[in-house]
């Protein structure tokens, strides 16, 4: 994922916040590397989703992408699961949690 994708990705993800419920799972299976600008954007968007009571979960991060995100202290901010099924479980659990709060 290159820096020139940053603005398009931001627009796409923020448009989901207009949906109800605005829960998104992003599969990174095809992502082999990521530039710093995209990584920073993902952290900002993650917080924005949670501020607006929506879920954003990333799955299937390759080890080299996860290592990069960890090296810049972004991995711990993101909601990451190994599989899409687990990402779906996280979304469902967060929906239940929001109903009770």
PDB file of N, CA and C in Angstrom:
ATOM      1  N   UNK A   1       0.860  -1.169   0.000  1.00  0.00           N
ATOM      2  CA  UNK A   1       0.000   0.000   0.000  1.00  0.00           C
ATOM      3  C   UNK A   1       0.903   1.227   0.000  1.00  0.00           C
ATOM      4  N   UNK A   2       0.694   2.051  -0.990  1.00  0.00           N
ATOM      5  CA  UNK A   2       1.563   3.212  -1.152  1.00  0.00           C
ATOM      6  C   UNK A   2       0.890   4.489  -0.672  1.00  0.00           C
ATOM      7  N   UNK A   3       1.720   5.491  -0.442  1.00  0.00           N
ATOM      8  CA  UNK A   3       1.238   6.764   0.086  1.00  0.00           C
ATOM      9  C   UNK A   3       0.239   7.440  -0.836  1.00  0.00           C
ATOM     10  N   UNK A   4       0.359   7.221  -2.142  1.00  0.00           N
ATOM     11  CA  UNK A   4      -0.583   7.877  -3.060  1.00  0.00           C
ATOM     12  C   UNK A   4      -2.002   7.315  -2.944  1.00  0.00           C
ATOM     13  N   UNK A   5      -2.175   6.268  -2.182  1.00  0.00           N
ATOM     14  CA  UNK A   5      -3.497   5.686  -1.939  1.00  0.00           C
ATOM     15  C   UNK A   5      -4.157   6.277  -0.690  1.00  0.00           C
ATOM     16  N   UNK A   6      -3.436   7.074   0.051  1.00  0.00           N
ATOM     17  CA  UNK A   6      -3.892   7.552   1.358  1.00  0.00           C
ATOM     18  C   UNK A   6      -5.225   8.281   1.284  1.00  0.00           C
ATOM     19  N   UNK A   7      -5.338   9.264   0.413  1.00  0.00           N
ATOM     20  CA  UNK A   7      -6.566  10.061   0.354  1.00  0.00           C
ATOM     21  C   UNK A   7      -7.754   9.222  -0.094  1.00  0.00           C
ATOM     22  N   UNK A   8      -7.572   8.362  -1.085  1.00  0.00           N
ATOM     23  CA  UNK A   8      -8.664   7.508  -1.537  1.00  0.00           C
ATOM     24  C   UNK A   8      -9.119   6.564  -0.431  1.00  0.00           C
ATOM     25  N   UNK A   9      -8.164   5.982   0.273  1.00  0.00           N
ATOM     26  CA  UNK A   9      -8.501   5.071   1.368  1.00  0.00           C
ATOM     27  C   UNK A   9      -9.250   5.805   2.468  1.00  0.00           C
ATOM     28  N   UNK A  10      -8.792   7.009   2.799  1.00  0.00           N
ATOM     29  CA  UNK A  10      -9.460   7.809   3.829  1.00  0.00           C
ATOM     30  C   UNK A  10     -10.911   8.070   3.448  1.00  0.00           C
ATOM     31  N   UNK A  11     -11.148   8.482   2.216  1.00  0.00           N
ATOM     32  CA  UNK A  11     -12.508   8.772   1.759  1.00  0.00           C
ATOM     33  C   UNK A  11     -13.383   7.527   1.799  1.00  0.00           C
ATOM     34  N   UNK A  12     -12.849   6.427   1.328  1.00  0.00           N
ATOM     35  CA  UNK A  12     -13.620   5.177   1.301  1.00  0.00           C
ATOM     36  C   UNK A  12     -14.027   4.768   2.711  1.00  0.00           C
ATOM     37  N   UNK A  13     -13.066   4.753   3.634  1.00  0.00           N
ATOM     38  CA  UNK A  13     -13.361   4.303   4.994  1.00  0.00           C
ATOM     39  C   UNK A  13     -14.292   5.252   5.734  1.00  0.00           C
ATOM     40  N   UNK A  14     -14.076   6.544   5.580  1.00  0.00           N
ATOM     41  CA  UNK A  14     -14.939   7.497   6.279  1.00  0.00           C
ATOM     42  C   UNK A  14     -16.359   7.485   5.726  1.00  0.00           C
ATOM     43  N   UNK A  15     -16.527   7.128   4.468  1.00  0.00           N
ATOM     44  CA  UNK A  15     -17.876   7.000   3.913  1.00  0.00           C
ATOM     45  C   UNK A  15     -18.674   5.908   4.613  1.00  0.00           C
ATOM     46  N   UNK A  16     -17.988   4.889   5.109  1.00  0.00           N
ATOM     47  CA  UNK A  16     -18.681   3.818   5.834  1.00  0.00           C
ATOM     48  C   UNK A  16     -19.297   4.323   7.135  1.00  0.00           C
ATOM     49  N   UNK A  17     -18.771   5.403   7.677  1.00  0.00           N
ATOM     50  CA  UNK A  17     -19.325   5.937   8.924  1.00  0.00           C
ATOM     51  C   UNK A  17     -20.722   6.510   8.727  1.00  0.00           C
ATOM     52  N   UNK A  18     -21.131   6.704   7.486  1.00  0.00           N
ATOM     53  CA  UNK A  18     -22.480   7.186   7.192  1.00  0.00           C
ATOM     54  C   UNK A  18     -23.487   6.043   7.175  1.00  0.00           C
ATOM     55  N   UNK A  19     -23.003   4.810   7.186  1.00  0.00           N
ATOM     56  CA  UNK A  19     -23.854   3.623   7.146  1.00  0.00           C
ATOM     57  C   UNK A  19     -24.264   3.231   8.563  1.00  0.00           C
ATOM     58  N   UNK A  20     -25.324   2.434   8.654  1.00  0.00           N
ATOM     59  CA  UNK A  20     -25.747   1.926   9.944  1.00  0.00           C
ATOM     60  C   UNK A  20     -25.965   0.423   9.845  1.00  0.00           C
ATOM     61  N   UNK A  21     -25.301  -0.388  10.615  1.00  0.00           N
ATOM     62  CA  UNK A  21     -24.136  -0.042  11.415  1.00  0.00           C
ATOM     63  C   UNK A  21     -22.903   0.083  10.515  1.00  0.00           C
ATOM     64  N   UNK A  22     -21.998   0.913  10.902  1.00  0.00           N
ATOM     65  CA  UNK A  22     -20.789   1.171  10.113  1.00  0.00           C
ATOM     66  C   UNK A  22     -19.637   0.328  10.632  1.00  0.00           C
ATOM     67  N   UNK A  23     -19.724  -0.950  10.420  1.00  0.00           N
ATOM     68  CA  UNK A  23     -18.661  -1.854  10.840  1.00  0.00           C
ATOM     69  C   UNK A  23     -17.934  -2.351   9.607  1.00  0.00           C
ATOM     70  N   UNK A  24     -16.607  -2.337   9.657  1.00  0.00           N
ATOM     71  CA  UNK A  24     -15.815  -2.691   8.498  1.00  0.00           C
ATOM     72  C   UNK A  24     -14.741  -3.689   8.901  1.00  0.00           C
ATOM     73  N   UNK A  25     -14.566  -4.699   8.050  1.00  0.00           N
ATOM     74  CA  UNK A  25     -13.459  -5.645   8.173  1.00  0.00           C
ATOM     75  C   UNK A  25     -12.611  -5.473   6.927  1.00  0.00           C
ATOM     76  N   UNK A  26     -11.320  -5.245   7.125  1.00  0.00           N
ATOM     77  CA  UNK A  26     -10.409  -5.080   6.000  1.00  0.00           C
ATOM     78  C   UNK A  26      -9.465  -6.272   5.967  1.00  0.00           C
ATOM     79  N   UNK A  27      -9.481  -6.979   4.845  1.00  0.00           N
ATOM     80  CA  UNK A  27      -8.631  -8.144   4.652  1.00  0.00           C
ATOM     81  C   UNK A  27      -7.340  -7.692   3.967  1.00  0.00           C
ATOM     82  N   UNK A  28      -6.224  -7.882   4.641  1.00  0.00           N
ATOM     83  CA  UNK A  28      -4.923  -7.463   4.137  1.00  0.00           C
ATOM     84  C   UNK A  28      -4.149  -8.607   3.481  1.00  0.00           C
ATOM     85  N   UNK A  29      -4.829  -9.646   3.086  1.00  0.00           N
ATOM     86  CA  UNK A  29      -4.182 -10.828   2.517  1.00  0.00           C
ATOM     87  C   UNK A  29      -3.260 -10.474   1.342  1.00  0.00           C
ATOM     88  N   UNK A  30      -3.646  -9.504   0.522  1.00  0.00           N
ATOM     89  CA  UNK A  30      -2.873  -9.148  -0.664  1.00  0.00           C
ATOM     90  C   UNK A  30      -1.836  -8.045  -0.424  1.00  0.00           C
ATOM     91  N   UNK A  31      -1.738  -7.561   0.797  1.00  0.00           N
ATOM     92  CA  UNK A  31      -0.820  -6.458   1.101  1.00  0.00           C
ATOM     93  C   UNK A  31       0.527  -7.040   1.559  1.00  0.00           C
ATOM     94  N   UNK A  32       1.570  -6.743   0.782  1.00  0.00           N
ATOM     95  CA  UNK A  32       2.912  -7.238   1.101  1.00  0.00           C
ATOM     96  C   UNK A  32       3.770  -6.212   1.818  1.00  0.00           C
ATOM     97  N   UNK A  33       3.463  -4.944   1.614  1.00  0.00           N
ATOM     98  CA  UNK A  33       4.198  -3.881   2.298  1.00  0.00           C
ATOM     99  C   UNK A  33       3.312  -2.658   2.391  1.00  0.00           C
ATOM    100  N   UNK A  34       3.712  -1.738   3.249  1.00  0.00           N
ATOM    101  CA  UNK A  34       2.888  -0.571   3.504  1.00  0.00           C
ATOM    102  C   UNK A  34       3.797   0.618   3.794  1.00  0.00           C
ATOM    103  N   UNK A  35       3.428   1.768   3.262  1.00  0.00           N
ATOM    104  CA  UNK A  35       4.197   2.974   3.528  1.00  0.00           C
ATOM    105  C   UNK A  35       3.685   3.646   4.805  1.00  0.00           C
ATOM    106  N   UNK A  36       4.527   4.460   5.375  1.00  0.00           N
ATOM    107  CA  UNK A  36       4.263   5.106   6.656  1.00  0.00           C
ATOM    108  C   UNK A  36       2.968   5.911   6.650  1.00  0.00           C
ATOM    109  N   UNK A  37       2.696   6.643   5.584  1.00  0.00           N
ATOM    110  CA  UNK A  37       1.495   7.486   5.524  1.00  0.00           C
ATOM    111  C   UNK A  37       0.221   6.661   5.644  1.00  0.00           C
ATOM    112  N   UNK A  38       0.194   5.513   5.007  1.00  0.00           N
ATOM    113  CA  UNK A  38      -0.978   4.625   5.092  1.00  0.00           C
ATOM    114  C   UNK A  38      -1.112   4.095   6.514  1.00  0.00           C
ATOM    115  N   UNK A  39      -0.016   3.687   7.104  1.00  0.00           N
ATOM    116  CA  UNK A  39      -0.057   3.153   8.469  1.00  0.00           C
ATOM    117  C   UNK A  39      -0.597   4.190   9.448  1.00  0.00           C
ATOM    118  N   UNK A  40      -0.129   5.417   9.325  1.00  0.00           N
ATOM    119  CA  UNK A  40      -0.616   6.488  10.194  1.00  0.00           C
ATOM    120  C   UNK A  40      -2.103   6.729   9.970  1.00  0.00           C
ATOM    121  N   UNK A  41      -2.531   6.698   8.713  1.00  0.00           N
ATOM    122  CA  UNK A  41      -3.946   6.884   8.398  1.00  0.00           C
ATOM    123  C   UNK A  41      -4.792   5.797   9.054  1.00  0.00           C
ATOM    124  N   UNK A  42      -4.343   4.562   8.978  1.00  0.00           N
ATOM    125  CA  UNK A  42      -5.109   3.463   9.573  1.00  0.00           C
ATOM    126  C   UNK A  42      -5.319   3.686  11.067  1.00  0.00           C
ATOM    127  N   UNK A  43      -4.308   4.184  11.747  1.00  0.00           N
ATOM    128  CA  UNK A  43      -4.439   4.446  13.181  1.00  0.00           C
ATOM    129  C   UNK A  43      -5.451   5.554  13.446  1.00  0.00           C
ATOM    130  N   UNK A  44      -5.422   6.601  12.648  1.00  0.00           N
ATOM    131  CA  UNK A  44      -6.363   7.712  12.816  1.00  0.00           C
ATOM    132  C   UNK A  44      -7.785   7.253  12.530  1.00  0.00           C
ATOM    133  N   UNK A  45      -7.958   6.510  11.451  1.00  0.00           N
ATOM    134  CA  UNK A  45      -9.291   6.026  11.070  1.00  0.00           C
ATOM    135  C   UNK A  45      -9.817   5.053  12.119  1.00  0.00           C
ATOM    136  N   UNK A  46      -8.938   4.209  12.661  1.00  0.00           N
ATOM    137  CA  UNK A  46      -9.346   3.275  13.713  1.00  0.00           C
ATOM    138  C   UNK A  46      -9.969   4.032  14.877  1.00  0.00           C
ATOM    139  N   UNK A  47      -9.291   5.081  15.313  1.00  0.00           N
ATOM    140  CA  UNK A  47      -9.800   5.875  16.430  1.00  0.00           C
ATOM    141  C   UNK A  47     -11.113   6.553  16.073  1.00  0.00           C
ATOM    142  N   UNK A  48     -11.224   7.033  14.868  1.00  0.00           N
ATOM    143  CA  UNK A  48     -12.453   7.708  14.420  1.00  0.00           C
ATOM    144  C   UNK A  48     -13.642   6.745  14.462  1.00  0.00           C
ATOM    145  N   UNK A  49     -13.437   5.514  14.013  1.00  0.00           N
ATOM    146  CA  UNK A  49     -14.508   4.516  14.059  1.00  0.00           C
ATOM    147  C   UNK A  49     -14.951   4.290  15.502  1.00  0.00           C
ATOM    148  N   UNK A  50     -13.992   4.125  16.414  1.00  0.00           N
ATOM    149  CA  UNK A  50     -14.353   3.868  17.804  1.00  0.00           C
ATOM    150  C   UNK A  50     -14.986   5.082  18.466  1.00  0.00           C
ATOM    151  N   UNK A  51     -14.538   6.279  18.096  1.00  0.00           N
ATOM    152  CA  UNK A  51     -15.155   7.496  18.632  1.00  0.00           C
ATOM    153  C   UNK A  51     -16.623   7.588  18.239  1.00  0.00           C
ATOM    154  N   UNK A  52     -16.962   7.025  17.076  1.00  0.00           N
ATOM    155  CA  UNK A  52     -18.334   7.077  16.587  1.00  0.00           C
ATOM    156  C   UNK A  52     -19.085   5.759  16.823  1.00  0.00           C
ATOM    157  N   UNK A  53     -18.537   4.915  17.723  1.00  0.00           N
ATOM    158  CA  UNK A  53     -19.172   3.647  18.119  1.00  0.00           C
ATOM    159  C   UNK A  53     -19.377   2.671  16.964  1.00  0.00           C
ATOM    160  N   UNK A  54     -18.329   2.510  16.173  1.00  0.00           N
ATOM    161  CA  UNK A  54     -18.342   1.548  15.082  1.00  0.00           C
ATOM    162  C   UNK A  54     -17.076   0.702  15.163  1.00  0.00           C
ATOM    163  N   UNK A  55     -17.136  -0.454  14.543  1.00  0.00           N
ATOM    164  CA  UNK A  55     -16.000  -1.374  14.571  1.00  0.00           C
ATOM    165  C   UNK A  55     -15.216  -1.309  13.266  1.00  0.00           C
ATOM    166  N   UNK A  56     -13.903  -1.396  13.412  1.00  0.00           N
ATOM    167  CA  UNK A  56     -12.994  -1.501  12.276  1.00  0.00           C
ATOM    168  C   UNK A  56     -11.958  -2.540  12.657  1.00  0.00           C
ATOM    169  N   UNK A  57     -11.934  -3.638  11.904  1.00  0.00           N
ATOM    170  CA  UNK A  57     -11.052  -4.748  12.232  1.00  0.00           C
ATOM    171  C   UNK A  57     -10.247  -5.123  10.993  1.00  0.00           C
ATOM    172  N   UNK A  58      -8.971  -5.383  11.191  1.00  0.00           N
ATOM    173  CA  UNK A  58      -8.071  -5.788  10.113  1.00  0.00           C
ATOM    174  C   UNK A  58      -7.730  -7.257  10.305  1.00  0.00           C
ATOM    175  N   UNK A  59      -7.657  -7.996   9.204  1.00  0.00           N
ATOM    176  CA  UNK A  59      -7.311  -9.412   9.307  1.00  0.00           C
ATOM    177  C   UNK A  59      -6.313  -9.805   8.217  1.00  0.00           C
ATOM    178  N   UNK A  60      -5.711 -10.960   8.411  1.00  0.00           N
ATOM    179  CA  UNK A  60      -4.762 -11.558   7.471  1.00  0.00           C
ATOM    180  C   UNK A  60      -3.547 -10.674   7.190  1.00  0.00           C
ATOM    181  N   UNK A  61      -3.017 -10.015   8.222  1.00  0.00           N
ATOM    182  CA  UNK A  61      -1.789  -9.249   8.030  1.00  0.00           C
ATOM    183  C   UNK A  61      -0.616 -10.205   7.854  1.00  0.00           C
ATOM    184  N   UNK A  62       0.164  -9.968   6.835  1.00  0.00           N
ATOM    185  CA  UNK A  62       1.370 -10.769   6.630  1.00  0.00           C
ATOM    186  C   UNK A  62       2.395 -10.367   7.687  1.00  0.00           C
ATOM    187  N   UNK A  63       3.273 -11.291   8.058  1.00  0.00           N
ATOM    188  CA  UNK A  63       4.247 -11.004   9.120  1.00  0.00           C
ATOM    189  C   UNK A  63       5.075  -9.745   8.862  1.00  0.00           C
ATOM    190  N   UNK A  64       5.475  -9.518   7.626  1.00  0.00           N
ATOM    191  CA  UNK A  64       6.304  -8.346   7.343  1.00  0.00           C
ATOM    192  C   UNK A  64       5.514  -7.046   7.516  1.00  0.00           C
ATOM    193  N   UNK A  65       4.224  -7.067   7.216  1.00  0.00           N
ATOM    194  CA  UNK A  65       3.382  -5.887   7.419  1.00  0.00           C
ATOM    195  C   UNK A  65       3.142  -5.680   8.915  1.00  0.00           C
ATOM    196  N   UNK A  66       2.860  -6.757   9.614  1.00  0.00           N
ATOM    197  CA  UNK A  66       2.659  -6.665  11.068  1.00  0.00           C
ATOM    198  C   UNK A  66       3.928  -6.172  11.756  1.00  0.00           C
ATOM    199  N   UNK A  67       5.080  -6.659  11.326  1.00  0.00           N
ATOM    200  CA  UNK A  67       6.349  -6.217  11.912  1.00  0.00           C
ATOM    201  C   UNK A  67       6.576  -4.726  11.665  1.00  0.00           C
ATOM    202  N   UNK A  68       6.256  -4.265  10.461  1.00  0.00           N
ATOM    203  CA  UNK A  68       6.405  -2.844  10.155  1.00  0.00           C
ATOM    204  C   UNK A  68       5.491  -2.010  11.041  1.00  0.00           C
ATOM    205  N   UNK A  69       4.226  -2.409  11.143  1.00  0.00           N
ATOM    206  CA  UNK A  69       3.276  -1.667  11.984  1.00  0.00           C
ATOM    207  C   UNK A  69       3.716  -1.669  13.442  1.00  0.00           C
ATOM    208  N   UNK A  70       4.269  -2.773  13.887  1.00  0.00           N
ATOM    209  CA  UNK A  70       4.759  -2.864  15.258  1.00  0.00           C
ATOM    210  C   UNK A  70       5.968  -1.945  15.454  1.00  0.00           C
ATOM    211  N   UNK A  71       6.835  -1.872  14.467  1.00  0.00           N
ATOM    212  CA  UNK A  71       8.053  -1.058  14.586  1.00  0.00           C
ATOM    213  C   UNK A  71       7.754   0.431  14.693  1.00  0.00           C
ATOM    214  N   UNK A  72       6.589   0.862  14.192  1.00  0.00           N
ATOM    215  CA  UNK A  72       6.222   2.277  14.275  1.00  0.00           C
ATOM    216  C   UNK A  72       5.117   2.499  15.315  1.00  0.00           C
ATOM    217  N   UNK A  73       4.907   1.506  16.161  1.00  0.00           N
ATOM    218  CA  UNK A  73       3.944   1.574  17.272  1.00  0.00           C
ATOM    219  C   UNK A  73       2.503   1.812  16.814  1.00  0.00           C
ATOM    220  N   UNK A  74       2.134   1.232  15.687  1.00  0.00           N
ATOM    221  CA  UNK A  74       0.764   1.349  15.187  1.00  0.00           C
ATOM    222  C   UNK A  74       0.001   0.045  15.391  1.00  0.00           C
ATOM    223  N   UNK A  75       0.692  -1.061  15.394  1.00  0.00           N
ATOM    224  CA  UNK A  75       0.015  -2.360  15.490  1.00  0.00           C
ATOM    225  C   UNK A  75      -0.843  -2.449  16.744  1.00  0.00           C
ATOM    226  N   UNK A  76      -0.353  -1.933  17.858  1.00  0.00           N
ATOM    227  CA  UNK A  76      -1.106  -2.030  19.115  1.00  0.00           C
ATOM    228  C   UNK A  76      -2.358  -1.161  19.113  1.00  0.00           C
ATOM    229  N   UNK A  77      -2.429  -0.192  18.215  1.00  0.00           N
ATOM    230  CA  UNK A  77      -3.603   0.676  18.107  1.00  0.00           C
ATOM    231  C   UNK A  77      -4.705   0.008  17.289  1.00  0.00           C
ATOM    232  N   UNK A  78      -4.294  -0.769  16.299  1.00  0.00           N
ATOM    233  CA  UNK A  78      -5.252  -1.390  15.386  1.00  0.00           C
ATOM    234  C   UNK A  78      -5.907  -2.611  16.003  1.00  0.00           C
ATOM    235  N   UNK A  79      -7.111  -2.877  15.565  1.00  0.00           N
ATOM    236  CA  UNK A  79      -7.844  -4.063  15.984  1.00  0.00           C
ATOM    237  C   UNK A  79      -7.555  -5.138  14.937  1.00  0.00           C
ATOM    238  N   UNK A  80      -6.626  -6.045  15.241  1.00  0.00           N
ATOM    239  CA  UNK A  80      -6.128  -7.017  14.266  1.00  0.00           C
ATOM    240  C   UNK A  80      -6.465  -8.429  14.716  1.00  0.00           C
ATOM    241  N   UNK A  81      -6.929  -9.241  13.763  1.00  0.00           N
ATOM    242  CA  UNK A  81      -7.172 -10.660  14.023  1.00  0.00           C
ATOM    243  C   UNK A  81      -6.508 -11.479  12.918  1.00  0.00           C
ATOM    244  N   UNK A  82      -6.198 -12.736  13.202  1.00  0.00           N
ATOM    245  CA  UNK A  82      -5.557 -13.570  12.183  1.00  0.00           C
ATOM    246  C   UNK A  82      -6.467 -13.894  10.992  1.00  0.00           C
ATOM    247  N   UNK A  83      -7.759 -14.091  11.261  1.00  0.00           N
ATOM    248  CA  UNK A  83      -8.654 -14.534  10.188  1.00  0.00           C
ATOM    249  C   UNK A  83      -9.880 -13.629  10.065  1.00  0.00           C
ATOM    250  N   UNK A  84     -10.548 -13.757   8.938  1.00  0.00           N
ATOM    251  CA  UNK A  84     -11.770 -12.989   8.706  1.00  0.00           C
ATOM    252  C   UNK A  84     -12.889 -13.453   9.636  1.00  0.00           C
ATOM    253  N   UNK A  85     -12.921 -14.725   9.925  1.00  0.00           N
ATOM    254  CA  UNK A  85     -13.927 -15.264  10.838  1.00  0.00           C
ATOM    255  C   UNK A  85     -13.779 -14.652  12.230  1.00  0.00           C
ATOM    256  N   UNK A  86     -12.543 -14.551  12.697  1.00  0.00           N
ATOM    257  CA  UNK A  86     -12.304 -13.940  14.011  1.00  0.00           C
ATOM    258  C   UNK A  86     -12.624 -12.449  13.983  1.00  0.00           C
ATOM    259  N   UNK A  87     -12.366 -11.798  12.856  1.00  0.00           N
ATOM    260  CA  UNK A  87     -12.709 -10.380  12.723  1.00  0.00           C
ATOM    261  C   UNK A  87     -14.216 -10.196  12.830  1.00  0.00           C
ATOM    262  N   UNK A  88     -14.957 -11.083  12.209  1.00  0.00           N
ATOM    263  CA  UNK A  88     -16.413 -11.034  12.288  1.00  0.00           C
ATOM    264  C   UNK A  88     -16.886 -11.241  13.718  1.00  0.00           C
ATOM    265  N   UNK A  89     -16.239 -12.150  14.433  1.00  0.00           N
ATOM    266  CA  UNK A  89     -16.580 -12.380  15.841  1.00  0.00           C
ATOM    267  C   UNK A  89     -16.341 -11.119  16.673  1.00  0.00           C
ATOM    268  N   UNK A  90     -15.240 -10.426  16.406  1.00  0.00           N
ATOM    269  CA  UNK A  90     -14.933  -9.188  17.133  1.00  0.00           C
ATOM    270  C   UNK A  90     -16.018  -8.152  16.884  1.00  0.00           C
ATOM    271  N   UNK A  91     -16.424  -8.002  15.624  1.00  0.00           N
ATOM    272  CA  UNK A  91     -17.475  -7.035  15.287  1.00  0.00           C
ATOM    273  C   UNK A  91     -18.757  -7.377  16.039  1.00  0.00           C
ATOM    274  N   UNK A  92     -19.130  -8.641  16.041  1.00  0.00           N
ATOM    275  CA  UNK A  92     -20.344  -9.051  16.740  1.00  0.00           C
ATOM    276  C   UNK A  92     -20.242  -8.792  18.240  1.00  0.00           C
ATOM    277  N   UNK A  93     -19.101  -9.101  18.826  1.00  0.00           N
ATOM    278  CA  UNK A  93     -18.923  -8.867  20.266  1.00  0.00           C
ATOM    279  C   UNK A  93     -18.974  -7.376  20.585  1.00  0.00           C
ATOM    280  N   UNK A  94     -18.373  -6.559  19.737  1.00  0.00           N
ATOM    281  CA  UNK A  94     -18.406  -5.116  19.982  1.00  0.00           C
ATOM    282  C   UNK A  94     -19.816  -4.562  19.826  1.00  0.00           C
ATOM    283  N   UNK A  95     -20.593  -5.103  18.909  1.00  0.00           N
ATOM    284  CA  UNK A  95     -21.992  -4.678  18.756  1.00  0.00           C
ATOM    285  C   UNK A  95     -22.782  -5.007  20.021  1.00  0.00           C
ATOM    286  N   UNK A  96     -22.581  -6.203  20.547  1.00  0.00           N
ATOM    287  CA  UNK A  96     -23.266  -6.595  21.781  1.00  0.00           C
ATOM    288  C   UNK A  96     -22.840  -5.694  22.924  1.00  0.00           C
ATOM    289  N   UNK A  97     -21.547  -5.421  23.001  1.00  0.00           N
ATOM    290  CA  UNK A  97     -21.038  -4.544  24.065  1.00  0.00           C
ATOM    291  C   UNK A  97     -21.654  -3.155  23.968  1.00  0.00           C
ATOM    292  N   UNK A  98     -21.772  -2.619  22.766  1.00  0.00           N
ATOM    293  CA  UNK A  98     -22.379  -1.289  22.600  1.00  0.00           C
ATOM    294  C   UNK A  98     -23.849  -1.284  22.980  1.00  0.00           C
ATOM    295  N   UNK A  99     -24.549  -2.390  22.729  1.00  0.00           N
ATOM    296  CA  UNK A  99     -25.965  -2.481  23.114  1.00  0.00           C
ATOM    297  C   UNK A  99     -26.120  -2.396  24.626  1.00  0.00           C
ATOM    298  N   UNK A 100     -25.193  -3.010  25.355  1.00  0.00           N
ATOM    299  CA  UNK A 100     -25.288  -3.012  26.809  1.00  0.00           C
ATOM    300  C   UNK A 100     -24.802  -1.731  27.455  1.00  0.00           C
ATOM    301  N   UNK A 101     -24.014  -0.959  26.722  1.00  0.00           N
ATOM    302  CA  UNK A 101     -23.504   0.303  27.264  1.00  0.00           C
ATOM    303  C   UNK A 101     -24.390   1.404  26.772  1.00  0.00           C
TER     304      UNK A 101
END
